[in-house]
Amino acid sequence: MASLKSPKQVSITALGFDPSVLHITPGEVVHFVNNDTTTVVLIFADGSVTISAGSQYHKSFPSAGDFVYTDGSRRTGEISVKDATPP
């Protein structure tokens, strides 16, 4: 039976993304939570999504890689997906 992974979170604020770089393993889900007072458009290499103030967007990252995103202005962030290291 596969284990379920807890979602990770990126907070969107007027000052930027927190954290600006999030490290996860393949298959994890990231919750982007818009804590800003305005609507934000997140732009990824594979498309974009609009998130209203106070709303959330969930995105899974099934494979390893570095995934940069932006809001189209001054804010940028990165999801760094690396395979888990065996204990």
Protein backbone atom coordinates (compact mmCIF):
# COMPACT_ATOMS: atom_id res chain seq x y z
CA MET A 1 0.00 0.00 0.00
CA ALA A 2 1.42 3.41 -1.00
CA SER A 3 1.77 6.01 1.71
CA LEU A 4 0.04 9.35 1.33
CA LYS A 5 2.32 12.36 1.51
CA SER A 6 1.30 15.48 3.40
CA PRO A 7 0.93 18.54 1.19
CA LYS A 8 3.51 21.32 1.40
CA GLN A 9 2.52 24.98 1.37
CA VAL A 10 3.67 28.20 -0.28
CA SER A 11 2.17 31.40 1.09
CA ILE A 12 1.64 34.22 -1.41
CA THR A 13 1.96 37.67 0.19
CA ALA A 14 2.54 41.24 -0.94
CA LEU A 15 6.24 40.67 -0.20
CA GLY A 16 6.61 37.51 -2.27
CA PHE A 17 6.44 33.74 -1.89
CA ASP A 18 7.15 32.08 1.45
CA PRO A 19 9.22 30.01 1.17
CA SER A 20 10.76 31.28 -2.06
CA VAL A 21 12.29 27.83 -2.65
CA LEU A 22 10.44 24.71 -1.49
CA HIS A 23 12.14 21.28 -1.49
CA ILE A 24 9.90 18.26 -2.03
CA THR A 25 10.08 14.70 -3.36
CA PRO A 26 8.34 13.44 -6.52
CA GLY A 27 4.61 12.94 -6.10
CA GLU A 28 4.11 15.55 -3.41
CA VAL A 29 1.37 18.17 -3.67
CA VAL A 30 2.04 21.86 -3.06
CA HIS A 31 -0.73 24.14 -1.79
CA PHE A 32 -0.30 27.71 -3.01
CA VAL A 33 -2.28 29.90 -0.57
CA ASN A 34 -2.99 33.48 -1.62
CA ASN A 35 -2.64 35.51 1.58
CA ASP A 36 -2.35 38.71 -0.44
CA THR A 37 -5.26 41.16 -0.74
CA THR A 38 -5.35 40.95 -4.54
CA THR A 39 -5.82 38.25 -7.15
CA VAL A 40 -2.55 36.64 -8.29
CA VAL A 41 -1.71 34.85 -11.53
CA LEU A 42 0.92 32.16 -11.06
CA ILE A 43 2.84 31.38 -14.25
CA PHE A 44 4.53 27.99 -14.61
CA ALA A 45 6.33 26.61 -17.66
CA ASP A 46 3.32 24.34 -18.31
CA GLY A 47 0.62 27.01 -17.91
CA SER A 48 -0.84 29.56 -15.54
CA VAL A 49 -3.54 29.75 -12.89
CA THR A 50 -5.44 32.64 -11.30
CA ILE A 51 -5.83 32.56 -7.51
CA SER A 52 -8.21 35.00 -5.83
CA ALA A 53 -7.29 36.64 -2.53
CA GLY A 54 -7.86 34.13 0.28
CA SER A 55 -8.03 31.16 -2.10
CA GLN A 56 -5.77 28.17 -2.75
CA TYR A 57 -4.42 26.22 -5.70
CA HIS A 58 -3.03 22.67 -5.45
CA LYS A 59 -0.38 21.38 -7.85
CA SER A 60 1.37 18.02 -7.86
CA PHE A 61 4.95 17.52 -9.00
CA PRO A 62 5.30 13.90 -10.18
CA SER A 63 8.90 13.99 -11.35
CA ALA A 64 12.27 15.37 -10.24
CA GLY A 65 13.41 18.78 -11.45
CA ASP A 66 13.51 22.47 -10.59
CA PHE A 67 10.26 24.25 -11.39
CA VAL A 68 10.40 28.05 -11.41
CA TYR A 69 7.22 30.10 -11.26
CA THR A 70 6.40 33.82 -11.17
CA ASP A 71 3.46 36.16 -10.77
CA GLY A 72 4.56 38.04 -13.89
CA SER A 73 6.03 40.96 -11.99
CA ARG A 74 8.63 41.06 -9.22
CA ARG A 75 7.86 37.81 -7.40
CA THR A 76 9.47 34.50 -8.34
CA GLY A 77 9.65 31.14 -6.61
CA GLU A 78 10.93 27.64 -7.18
CA ILE A 79 9.79 24.11 -6.38
CA SER A 80 12.85 21.85 -6.20
CA VAL A 81 11.83 18.21 -6.62
CA LYS A 82 14.49 15.64 -5.73
CA ASP A 83 14.27 11.89 -5.22
CA ALA A 84 14.32 10.91 -1.55
CA THR A 85 17.65 9.74 -0.23
CA PRO A 86 17.47 6.25 1.30
CA PRO A 87 18.07 6.19 5.08
